[in-house]
PDB file of N, CA and C in Angstrom:
ATOM      1  N   MET A   1     -30.937 -48.985 -42.255  1.00  0.00           N
ATOM      2  CA  MET A   1     -32.176 -48.837 -41.220  1.00  0.00           C
ATOM      3  C   MET A   1     -33.357 -48.741 -42.199  1.00  0.00           C
ATOM      4  N   THR A   2     -34.473 -49.213 -41.548  1.00  0.00           N
ATOM      5  CA  THR A   2     -35.684 -49.133 -42.315  1.00  0.00           C
ATOM      6  C   THR A   2     -36.214 -47.905 -42.123  1.00  0.00           C
ATOM      7  N   LEU A   3     -37.411 -47.525 -43.164  1.00  0.00           N
ATOM      8  CA  LEU A   3     -37.944 -46.341 -43.032  1.00  0.00           C
ATOM      9  C   LEU A   3     -38.688 -46.197 -41.488  1.00  0.00           C
ATOM     10  N   ALA A   4     -39.378 -47.268 -41.075  1.00  0.00           N
ATOM     11  CA  ALA A   4     -40.005 -47.080 -39.821  1.00  0.00           C
ATOM     12  C   ALA A   4     -38.940 -46.769 -38.650  1.00  0.00           C
ATOM     13  N   ALA A   5     -37.714 -47.315 -38.666  1.00  0.00           N
ATOM     14  CA  ALA A   5     -36.684 -47.031 -37.752  1.00  0.00           C
ATOM     15  C   ALA A   5     -36.325 -45.643 -37.782  1.00  0.00           C
ATOM     16  N   HIS A   6     -36.043 -45.202 -39.219  1.00  0.00           N
ATOM     17  CA  HIS A   6     -35.882 -43.795 -39.287  1.00  0.00           C
ATOM     18  C   HIS A   6     -36.953 -42.688 -38.771  1.00  0.00           C
ATOM     19  N   LEU A   7     -38.315 -43.218 -38.927  1.00  0.00           N
ATOM     20  CA  LEU A   7     -39.328 -42.263 -38.407  1.00  0.00           C
ATOM     21  C   LEU A   7     -39.364 -42.364 -36.851  1.00  0.00           C
ATOM     22  N   ARG A   8     -38.956 -43.539 -36.406  1.00  0.00           N
ATOM     23  CA  ARG A   8     -39.017 -43.476 -34.762  1.00  0.00           C
ATOM     24  C   ARG A   8     -37.708 -42.695 -34.264  1.00  0.00           C
ATOM     25  N   SER A   9     -36.567 -42.624 -35.124  1.00  0.00           N
ATOM     26  CA  SER A   9     -35.454 -42.046 -34.538  1.00  0.00           C
ATOM     27  C   SER A   9     -35.567 -40.458 -34.561  1.00  0.00           C
ATOM     28  N   ILE A  10     -36.590 -40.024 -35.340  1.00  0.00           N
ATOM     29  CA  ILE A  10     -36.942 -38.436 -35.405  1.00  0.00           C
ATOM     30  C   ILE A  10     -38.024 -38.294 -34.333  1.00  0.00           C
ATOM     31  N   GLY A  11     -38.291 -39.212 -33.391  1.00  0.00           N
ATOM     32  CA  GLY A  11     -39.319 -39.044 -32.199  1.00  0.00           C
ATOM     33  C   GLY A  11     -40.613 -39.353 -32.610  1.00  0.00           C
ATOM     34  N   LEU A  12     -40.869 -39.983 -33.582  1.00  0.00           N
ATOM     35  CA  LEU A  12     -42.369 -40.351 -33.746  1.00  0.00           C
ATOM     36  C   LEU A  12     -42.684 -41.765 -33.109  1.00  0.00           C
ATOM     37  N   GLU A  13     -43.933 -41.973 -32.646  1.00  0.00           N
ATOM     38  CA  GLU A  13     -44.272 -43.286 -32.026  1.00  0.00           C
ATOM     39  C   GLU A  13     -44.952 -44.130 -33.003  1.00  0.00           C
ATOM     40  N   GLN A  14     -44.422 -45.287 -33.173  1.00  0.00           N
ATOM     41  CA  GLN A  14     -45.306 -46.224 -33.908  1.00  0.00           C
ATOM     42  C   GLN A  14     -46.413 -46.796 -33.290  1.00  0.00           C
ATOM     43  N   ALA A  15     -47.516 -46.879 -34.070  1.00  0.00           N
ATOM     44  CA  ALA A  15     -48.799 -47.426 -33.050  1.00  0.00           C
ATOM     45  C   ALA A  15     -49.813 -47.588 -34.302  1.00  0.00           C
ATOM     46  N   PRO A  16     -50.762 -48.588 -33.970  1.00  0.00           N
ATOM     47  CA  PRO A  16     -51.874 -48.689 -34.929  1.00  0.00           C
ATOM     48  C   PRO A  16     -52.587 -47.392 -35.657  1.00  0.00           C
ATOM     49  N   SER A  17     -52.834 -47.630 -36.886  1.00  0.00           N
ATOM     50  CA  SER A  17     -53.475 -46.360 -37.561  1.00  0.00           C
ATOM     51  C   SER A  17     -55.116 -46.348 -37.283  1.00  0.00           C
ATOM     52  N   ARG A  18     -55.557 -45.185 -37.201  1.00  0.00           N
ATOM     53  CA  ARG A  18     -56.840 -44.908 -37.048  1.00  0.00           C
ATOM     54  C   ARG A  18     -57.618 -45.305 -38.396  1.00  0.00           C
ATOM     55  N   TRP A  19     -56.939 -45.392 -39.570  1.00  0.00           N
ATOM     56  CA  TRP A  19     -57.497 -45.478 -40.952  1.00  0.00           C
ATOM     57  C   TRP A  19     -57.064 -46.702 -41.569  1.00  0.00           C
ATOM     58  N   GLY A  20     -56.598 -47.704 -41.023  1.00  0.00           N
ATOM     59  CA  GLY A  20     -56.385 -48.959 -41.721  1.00  0.00           C
ATOM     60  C   GLY A  20     -55.414 -49.753 -40.793  1.00  0.00           C
ATOM     61  N   ALA A  21     -55.080 -51.012 -41.533  1.00  0.00           N
ATOM     62  CA  ALA A  21     -54.314 -52.040 -40.907  1.00  0.00           C
ATOM     63  C   ALA A  21     -52.789 -51.648 -40.942  1.00  0.00           C
ATOM     64  N   ASP A  22     -52.301 -50.919 -41.914  1.00  0.00           N
ATOM     65  CA  ASP A  22     -50.993 -50.667 -41.983  1.00  0.00           C
ATOM     66  C   ASP A  22     -50.447 -49.668 -40.920  1.00  0.00           C
ATOM     67  N   PRO A  23     -48.985 -49.672 -40.777  1.00  0.00           N
ATOM     68  CA  PRO A  23     -48.397 -49.044 -39.573  1.00  0.00           C
ATOM     69  C   PRO A  23     -48.690 -47.453 -39.752  1.00  0.00           C
ATOM     70  N   ALA A  24     -48.679 -46.759 -38.444  1.00  0.00           N
ATOM     71  CA  ALA A  24     -48.736 -45.301 -38.496  1.00  0.00           C
ATOM     72  C   ALA A  24     -47.746 -44.845 -37.435  1.00  0.00           C
ATOM     73  N   PHE A  25     -47.501 -43.576 -37.633  1.00  0.00           N
ATOM     74  CA  PHE A  25     -46.518 -42.941 -36.725  1.00  0.00           C
ATOM     75  C   PHE A  25     -47.257 -41.581 -36.300  1.00  0.00           C
ATOM     76  N   TRP A  26     -47.068 -41.455 -34.927  1.00  0.00           N
ATOM     77  CA  TRP A  26     -47.904 -40.385 -34.092  1.00  0.00           C
ATOM     78  C   TRP A  26     -46.726 -39.362 -33.610  1.00  0.00           C
ATOM     79  N   TRP A  27     -47.371 -38.225 -33.559  1.00  0.00           N
ATOM     80  CA  TRP A  27     -46.599 -37.175 -32.727  1.00  0.00           C
ATOM     81  C   TRP A  27     -47.498 -36.486 -31.912  1.00  0.00           C
ATOM     82  N   ARG A  28     -47.263 -36.440 -30.647  1.00  0.00           N
ATOM     83  CA  ARG A  28     -48.067 -35.685 -29.683  1.00  0.00           C
ATOM     84  C   ARG A  28     -49.482 -36.097 -29.600  1.00  0.00           C
ATOM     85  N   GLY A  29     -49.731 -37.268 -29.948  1.00  0.00           N
ATOM     86  CA  GLY A  29     -51.059 -37.812 -29.812  1.00  0.00           C
ATOM     87  C   GLY A  29     -51.920 -37.625 -31.252  1.00  0.00           C
ATOM     88  N   ARG A  30     -51.124 -37.254 -32.184  1.00  0.00           N
ATOM     89  CA  ARG A  30     -51.831 -37.120 -33.448  1.00  0.00           C
ATOM     90  C   ARG A  30     -51.204 -37.899 -34.599  1.00  0.00           C
ATOM     91  N   GLU A  31     -51.830 -38.619 -35.428  1.00  0.00           N
ATOM     92  CA  GLU A  31     -51.335 -39.460 -36.571  1.00  0.00           C
ATOM     93  C   GLU A  31     -50.867 -38.488 -37.435  1.00  0.00           C
ATOM     94  N   ILE A  32     -49.638 -38.619 -37.734  1.00  0.00           N
ATOM     95  CA  ILE A  32     -48.985 -37.712 -38.877  1.00  0.00           C
ATOM     96  C   ILE A  32     -48.398 -38.412 -40.134  1.00  0.00           C
ATOM     97  N   VAL A  33     -48.055 -39.850 -39.950  1.00  0.00           N
ATOM     98  CA  VAL A  33     -47.611 -40.524 -41.069  1.00  0.00           C
ATOM     99  C   VAL A  33     -48.246 -41.854 -40.844  1.00  0.00           C
ATOM    100  N   HIS A  34     -48.683 -42.288 -42.210  1.00  0.00           N
ATOM    101  CA  HIS A  34     -49.224 -43.777 -42.193  1.00  0.00           C
ATOM    102  C   HIS A  34     -48.949 -44.315 -43.427  1.00  0.00           C
ATOM    103  N   THR A  35     -48.892 -45.682 -43.842  1.00  0.00           N
ATOM    104  CA  THR A  35     -48.509 -46.310 -44.990  1.00  0.00           C
ATOM    105  C   THR A  35     -49.804 -46.937 -45.641  1.00  0.00           C
ATOM    106  N   HIS A  36     -49.704 -46.899 -46.966  1.00  0.00           N
ATOM    107  CA  HIS A  36     -50.744 -47.721 -47.812  1.00  0.00           C
ATOM    108  C   HIS A  36     -49.918 -48.368 -48.712  1.00  0.00           C
ATOM    109  N   GLY A  37     -49.532 -49.583 -48.355  1.00  0.00           N
ATOM    110  CA  GLY A  37     -48.663 -50.325 -49.439  1.00  0.00           C
ATOM    111  C   GLY A  37     -47.442 -49.476 -49.629  1.00  0.00           C
ATOM    112  N   ASP A  38     -47.380 -49.085 -50.897  1.00  0.00           N
ATOM    113  CA  ASP A  38     -46.041 -48.430 -51.484  1.00  0.00           C
ATOM    114  C   ASP A  38     -46.114 -46.989 -51.469  1.00  0.00           C
ATOM    115  N   LEU A  39     -47.330 -46.559 -50.810  1.00  0.00           N
ATOM    116  CA  LEU A  39     -47.329 -45.219 -50.491  1.00  0.00           C
ATOM    117  C   LEU A  39     -47.393 -44.792 -49.158  1.00  0.00           C
ATOM    118  N   ILE A  40     -46.807 -43.610 -48.823  1.00  0.00           N
ATOM    119  CA  ILE A  40     -46.643 -43.110 -47.423  1.00  0.00           C
ATOM    120  C   ILE A  40     -47.491 -41.919 -47.477  1.00  0.00           C
ATOM    121  N   GLU A  41     -48.545 -41.601 -46.610  1.00  0.00           N
ATOM    122  CA  GLU A  41     -49.231 -40.287 -46.510  1.00  0.00           C
ATOM    123  C   GLU A  41     -48.618 -39.550 -45.282  1.00  0.00           C
ATOM    124  N   ILE A  42     -48.491 -38.353 -45.406  1.00  0.00           N
ATOM    125  CA  ILE A  42     -47.906 -37.462 -44.395  1.00  0.00           C
ATOM    126  C   ILE A  42     -49.015 -36.278 -44.171  1.00  0.00           C
ATOM    127  N   ARG A  43     -49.342 -35.989 -42.949  1.00  0.00           N
ATOM    128  CA  ARG A  43     -50.301 -34.994 -42.552  1.00  0.00           C
ATOM    129  C   ARG A  43     -49.503 -33.699 -42.418  1.00  0.00           C
ATOM    130  N   LEU A  44     -49.306 -32.986 -43.712  1.00  0.00           N
ATOM    131  CA  LEU A  44     -48.386 -31.826 -43.738  1.00  0.00           C
ATOM    132  C   LEU A  44     -49.480 -30.582 -43.367  1.00  0.00           C
ATOM    133  N   THR A  45     -50.575 -30.634 -43.354  1.00  0.00           N
ATOM    134  CA  THR A  45     -51.620 -29.462 -43.009  1.00  0.00           C
ATOM    135  C   THR A  45     -51.539 -28.677 -44.336  1.00  0.00           C
ATOM    136  N   ARG A  46     -52.772 -27.771 -44.613  1.00  0.00           N
ATOM    137  CA  ARG A  46     -52.886 -27.003 -45.467  1.00  0.00           C
ATOM    138  C   ARG A  46     -51.712 -25.944 -45.731  1.00  0.00           C
ATOM    139  N   LYS A  47     -51.297 -25.519 -44.475  1.00  0.00           N
ATOM    140  CA  LYS A  47     -50.243 -24.380 -44.757  1.00  0.00           C
ATOM    141  C   LYS A  47     -48.894 -25.159 -45.269  1.00  0.00           C
ATOM    142  N   GLY A  48     -48.659 -26.180 -44.818  1.00  0.00           N
ATOM    143  CA  GLY A  48     -47.413 -26.998 -45.196  1.00  0.00           C
ATOM    144  C   GLY A  48     -47.495 -27.360 -46.709  1.00  0.00           C
ATOM    145  N   ILE A  49     -48.806 -27.685 -47.168  1.00  0.00           N
ATOM    146  CA  ILE A  49     -48.928 -28.082 -48.565  1.00  0.00           C
ATOM    147  C   ILE A  49     -48.783 -26.870 -49.506  1.00  0.00           C
ATOM    148  N   ARG A  50     -49.258 -25.688 -48.963  1.00  0.00           N
ATOM    149  CA  ARG A  50     -49.192 -24.607 -49.742  1.00  0.00           C
ATOM    150  C   ARG A  50     -47.751 -24.057 -50.024  1.00  0.00           C
ATOM    151  N   GLU A  51     -46.710 -24.447 -49.130  1.00  0.00           N
ATOM    152  CA  GLU A  51     -45.481 -24.165 -49.113  1.00  0.00           C
ATOM    153  C   GLU A  51     -44.740 -25.225 -49.960  1.00  0.00           C
ATOM    154  N   LEU A  52     -45.352 -26.346 -50.201  1.00  0.00           N
ATOM    155  CA  LEU A  52     -44.790 -27.555 -50.715  1.00  0.00           C
ATOM    156  C   LEU A  52     -44.100 -27.371 -52.209  1.00  0.00           C
ATOM    157  N   GLU A  53     -43.008 -27.613 -52.588  1.00  0.00           N
ATOM    158  CA  GLU A  53     -42.498 -27.332 -53.892  1.00  0.00           C
ATOM    159  C   GLU A  53     -41.758 -28.530 -54.365  1.00  0.00           C
ATOM    160  N   ASP A  54     -42.385 -29.726 -54.068  1.00  0.00           N
ATOM    161  CA  ASP A  54     -41.614 -30.830 -54.565  1.00  0.00           C
ATOM    162  C   ASP A  54     -42.526 -31.773 -55.273  1.00  0.00           C
ATOM    163  N   ASP A  55     -42.348 -32.092 -56.607  1.00  0.00           N
ATOM    164  CA  ASP A  55     -43.330 -32.752 -57.403  1.00  0.00           C
ATOM    165  C   ASP A  55     -43.393 -34.320 -57.009  1.00  0.00           C
ATOM    166  N   ARG A  56     -42.570 -34.779 -56.163  1.00  0.00           N
ATOM    167  CA  ARG A  56     -42.677 -36.268 -55.732  1.00  0.00           C
ATOM    168  C   ARG A  56     -43.684 -36.219 -54.766  1.00  0.00           C
ATOM    169  N   ALA A  57     -44.219 -35.289 -54.194  1.00  0.00           N
ATOM    170  CA  ALA A  57     -45.326 -35.403 -53.167  1.00  0.00           C
ATOM    171  C   ALA A  57     -46.697 -35.063 -53.994  1.00  0.00           C
ATOM    172  N   MET A  58     -47.552 -36.060 -53.859  1.00  0.00           N
ATOM    173  CA  MET A  58     -48.852 -36.081 -54.572  1.00  0.00           C
ATOM    174  C   MET A  58     -50.024 -35.559 -53.653  1.00  0.00           C
ATOM    175  N   LEU A  59     -50.796 -34.564 -54.061  1.00  0.00           N
ATOM    176  CA  LEU A  59     -51.850 -34.060 -53.272  1.00  0.00           C
ATOM    177  C   LEU A  59     -52.992 -34.889 -53.382  1.00  0.00           C
ATOM    178  N   ARG A  60     -53.723 -35.093 -52.205  1.00  0.00           N
ATOM    179  CA  ARG A  60     -54.950 -35.788 -52.202  1.00  0.00           C
ATOM    180  C   ARG A  60     -56.044 -34.853 -52.459  1.00  0.00           C
ATOM    181  N   ALA A  61     -57.091 -34.796 -52.017  1.00  0.00           N
ATOM    182  CA  ALA A  61     -58.041 -33.899 -52.225  1.00  0.00           C
ATOM    183  C   ALA A  61     -57.813 -32.462 -51.914  1.00  0.00           C
ATOM    184  N   ARG A  62     -58.407 -31.606 -52.460  1.00  0.00           N
ATOM    185  CA  ARG A  62     -58.018 -30.086 -52.377  1.00  0.00           C
ATOM    186  C   ARG A  62     -58.136 -29.664 -50.946  1.00  0.00           C
ATOM    187  N   THR A  63     -58.901 -30.245 -50.106  1.00  0.00           N
ATOM    188  CA  THR A  63     -59.424 -29.932 -48.855  1.00  0.00           C
ATOM    189  C   THR A  63     -58.592 -30.707 -47.704  1.00  0.00           C
ATOM    190  N   SER A  64     -57.726 -31.676 -48.294  1.00  0.00           N
ATOM    191  CA  SER A  64     -57.179 -32.626 -47.408  1.00  0.00           C
ATOM    192  C   SER A  64     -55.734 -31.817 -46.695  1.00  0.00           C
ATOM    193  N   ASP A  65     -55.585 -32.494 -45.579  1.00  0.00           N
ATOM    194  CA  ASP A  65     -54.154 -32.185 -44.850  1.00  0.00           C
ATOM    195  C   ASP A  65     -53.060 -32.874 -45.249  1.00  0.00           C
ATOM    196  N   TRP A  66     -53.225 -33.936 -46.046  1.00  0.00           N
ATOM    197  CA  TRP A  66     -52.389 -35.108 -46.195  1.00  0.00           C
ATOM    198  C   TRP A  66     -51.903 -34.904 -47.731  1.00  0.00           C
ATOM    199  N   VAL A  67     -50.551 -35.370 -47.799  1.00  0.00           N
ATOM    200  CA  VAL A  67     -49.796 -35.646 -49.179  1.00  0.00           C
ATOM    201  C   VAL A  67     -49.332 -37.042 -49.207  1.00  0.00           C
ATOM    202  N   MET A  68     -49.330 -37.654 -50.470  1.00  0.00           N
ATOM    203  CA  MET A  68     -48.817 -38.981 -50.518  1.00  0.00           C
ATOM    204  C   MET A  68     -47.426 -38.998 -51.326  1.00  0.00           C
ATOM    205  N   VAL A  69     -46.601 -39.953 -50.760  1.00  0.00           N
ATOM    206  CA  VAL A  69     -45.198 -39.896 -51.448  1.00  0.00           C
ATOM    207  C   VAL A  69     -44.897 -41.609 -51.680  1.00  0.00           C
ATOM    208  N   ALA A  70     -44.265 -41.703 -52.719  1.00  0.00           N
ATOM    209  CA  ALA A  70     -44.059 -43.102 -53.110  1.00  0.00           C
ATOM    210  C   ALA A  70     -42.844 -43.405 -51.997  1.00  0.00           C
ATOM    211  N   ALA A  71     -42.853 -44.769 -51.552  1.00  0.00           N
ATOM    212  CA  ALA A  71     -42.121 -45.195 -50.442  1.00  0.00           C
ATOM    213  C   ALA A  71     -40.522 -45.161 -50.922  1.00  0.00           C
ATOM    214  N   ASN A  72     -40.300 -45.165 -52.118  1.00  0.00           N
ATOM    215  CA  ASN A  72     -38.823 -45.116 -52.358  1.00  0.00           C
ATOM    216  C   ASN A  72     -38.281 -43.814 -52.208  1.00  0.00           C
ATOM    217  N   HIS A  73     -39.055 -42.807 -51.979  1.00  0.00           N
ATOM    218  CA  HIS A  73     -38.467 -41.403 -51.820  1.00  0.00           C
ATOM    219  C   HIS A  73     -38.184 -41.106 -50.261  1.00  0.00           C
ATOM    220  N   GLU A  74     -37.417 -41.894 -49.548  1.00  0.00           N
ATOM    221  CA  GLU A  74     -37.159 -41.952 -48.153  1.00  0.00           C
ATOM    222  C   GLU A  74     -36.806 -40.582 -47.704  1.00  0.00           C
ATOM    223  N   ASP A  75     -35.847 -40.017 -48.429  1.00  0.00           N
ATOM    224  CA  ASP A  75     -35.291 -38.633 -48.077  1.00  0.00           C
ATOM    225  C   ASP A  75     -36.420 -37.654 -47.934  1.00  0.00           C
ATOM    226  N   LEU A  76     -37.270 -37.722 -48.982  1.00  0.00           N
ATOM    227  CA  LEU A  76     -38.440 -36.711 -48.992  1.00  0.00           C
ATOM    228  C   LEU A  76     -39.448 -37.075 -47.745  1.00  0.00           C
ATOM    229  N   ILE A  77     -39.733 -38.317 -47.543  1.00  0.00           N
ATOM    230  CA  ILE A  77     -40.581 -38.659 -46.383  1.00  0.00           C
ATOM    231  C   ILE A  77     -40.008 -38.176 -45.017  1.00  0.00           C
ATOM    232  N   LEU A  78     -38.768 -38.347 -44.909  1.00  0.00           N
ATOM    233  CA  LEU A  78     -38.248 -38.012 -43.645  1.00  0.00           C
ATOM    234  C   LEU A  78     -38.123 -36.333 -43.431  1.00  0.00           C
ATOM    235  N   ASP A  79     -38.039 -35.736 -44.582  1.00  0.00           N
ATOM    236  CA  ASP A  79     -38.055 -34.284 -44.378  1.00  0.00           C
ATOM    237  C   ASP A  79     -39.423 -33.719 -44.213  1.00  0.00           C
ATOM    238  N   LEU A  80     -40.488 -34.328 -44.781  1.00  0.00           N
ATOM    239  CA  LEU A  80     -41.813 -34.065 -44.670  1.00  0.00           C
ATOM    240  C   LEU A  80     -42.258 -34.264 -43.312  1.00  0.00           C
ATOM    241  N   ALA A  81     -41.844 -35.457 -42.688  1.00  0.00           N
ATOM    242  CA  ALA A  81     -42.200 -35.976 -41.566  1.00  0.00           C
ATOM    243  C   ALA A  81     -41.811 -34.932 -40.345  1.00  0.00           C
ATOM    244  N   GLU A  82     -40.629 -34.518 -40.690  1.00  0.00           N
ATOM    245  CA  GLU A  82     -39.916 -33.465 -39.785  1.00  0.00           C
ATOM    246  C   GLU A  82     -40.903 -32.113 -39.688  1.00  0.00           C
ATOM    247  N   ARG A  83     -41.022 -31.733 -41.068  1.00  0.00           N
ATOM    248  CA  ARG A  83     -42.023 -30.601 -41.150  1.00  0.00           C
ATOM    249  C   ARG A  83     -43.367 -30.685 -40.558  1.00  0.00           C
ATOM    250  N   ALA A  84     -43.900 -32.059 -40.792  1.00  0.00           N
ATOM    251  CA  ALA A  84     -45.223 -32.452 -40.119  1.00  0.00           C
ATOM    252  C   ALA A  84     -45.250 -32.348 -38.661  1.00  0.00           C
ATOM    253  N   LYS A  85     -44.277 -32.626 -38.043  1.00  0.00           N
ATOM    254  CA  LYS A  85     -44.098 -32.425 -36.533  1.00  0.00           C
ATOM    255  C   LYS A  85     -44.214 -31.073 -36.169  1.00  0.00           C
ATOM    256  N   ALA A  86     -43.575 -30.267 -36.867  1.00  0.00           N
ATOM    257  CA  ALA A  86     -43.585 -28.717 -36.448  1.00  0.00           C
ATOM    258  C   ALA A  86     -45.036 -28.213 -36.946  1.00  0.00           C
ATOM    259  N   LEU A  87     -45.621 -28.703 -37.808  1.00  0.00           N
ATOM    260  CA  LEU A  87     -46.904 -27.997 -38.356  1.00  0.00           C
ATOM    261  C   LEU A  87     -48.053 -28.633 -37.622  1.00  0.00           C
ATOM    262  N   ASN A  88     -47.855 -29.855 -36.861  1.00  0.00           N
ATOM    263  CA  ASN A  88     -48.805 -30.423 -36.086  1.00  0.00           C
ATOM    264  C   ASN A  88     -48.620 -30.373 -34.642  1.00  0.00           C
ATOM    265  N   THR A  89     -47.906 -29.477 -34.179  1.00  0.00           N
ATOM    266  CA  THR A  89     -47.700 -29.009 -32.745  1.00  0.00           C
ATOM    267  C   THR A  89     -48.773 -27.948 -32.359  1.00  0.00           C
ATOM    268  N   ASN A  90     -49.337 -28.369 -31.254  1.00  0.00           N
ATOM    269  CA  ASN A  90     -50.458 -27.455 -30.748  1.00  0.00           C
ATOM    270  C   ASN A  90     -50.301 -25.921 -30.807  1.00  0.00           C
ATOM    271  N   ASP A  91     -48.800 -25.570 -30.574  1.00  0.00           N
ATOM    272  CA  ASP A  91     -48.545 -24.202 -30.511  1.00  0.00           C
ATOM    273  C   ASP A  91     -47.925 -23.762 -31.873  1.00  0.00           C
ATOM    274  N   ALA A  92     -48.038 -24.547 -33.060  1.00  0.00           N
ATOM    275  CA  ALA A  92     -47.549 -24.151 -34.201  1.00  0.00           C
ATOM    276  C   ALA A  92     -48.523 -23.023 -34.855  1.00  0.00           C
ATOM    277  N   PRO A  93     -47.839 -22.074 -35.341  1.00  0.00           N
ATOM    278  CA  PRO A  93     -48.559 -20.994 -36.202  1.00  0.00           C
ATOM    279  C   PRO A  93     -49.420 -21.529 -37.180  1.00  0.00           C
ATOM    280  N   THR A  94     -50.594 -20.957 -37.463  1.00  0.00           N
ATOM    281  CA  THR A  94     -51.412 -21.251 -38.581  1.00  0.00           C
ATOM    282  C   THR A  94     -51.300 -20.499 -39.893  1.00  0.00           C
TER     283      THR A  94
END
């Protein structure tokens, strides 16, 4: 199964990205995963980033809600996408 198929299987909707031509995945109207070639960006939120303890996830800017993961770390991408769903829900605690 492709990464895109795995992301769809966890309930994400594939649609065009707001920030580029590569595919994006949305949860409840919010873009939470998108690709940039061999990098996958995941909107983990600042709260999720503070709790992150995996060196395979690279931070963007200090004020960003996004982390970057190499596309070959599919297990981590799927785990973080699940966490991003919970953290990007309107009723998620901050």
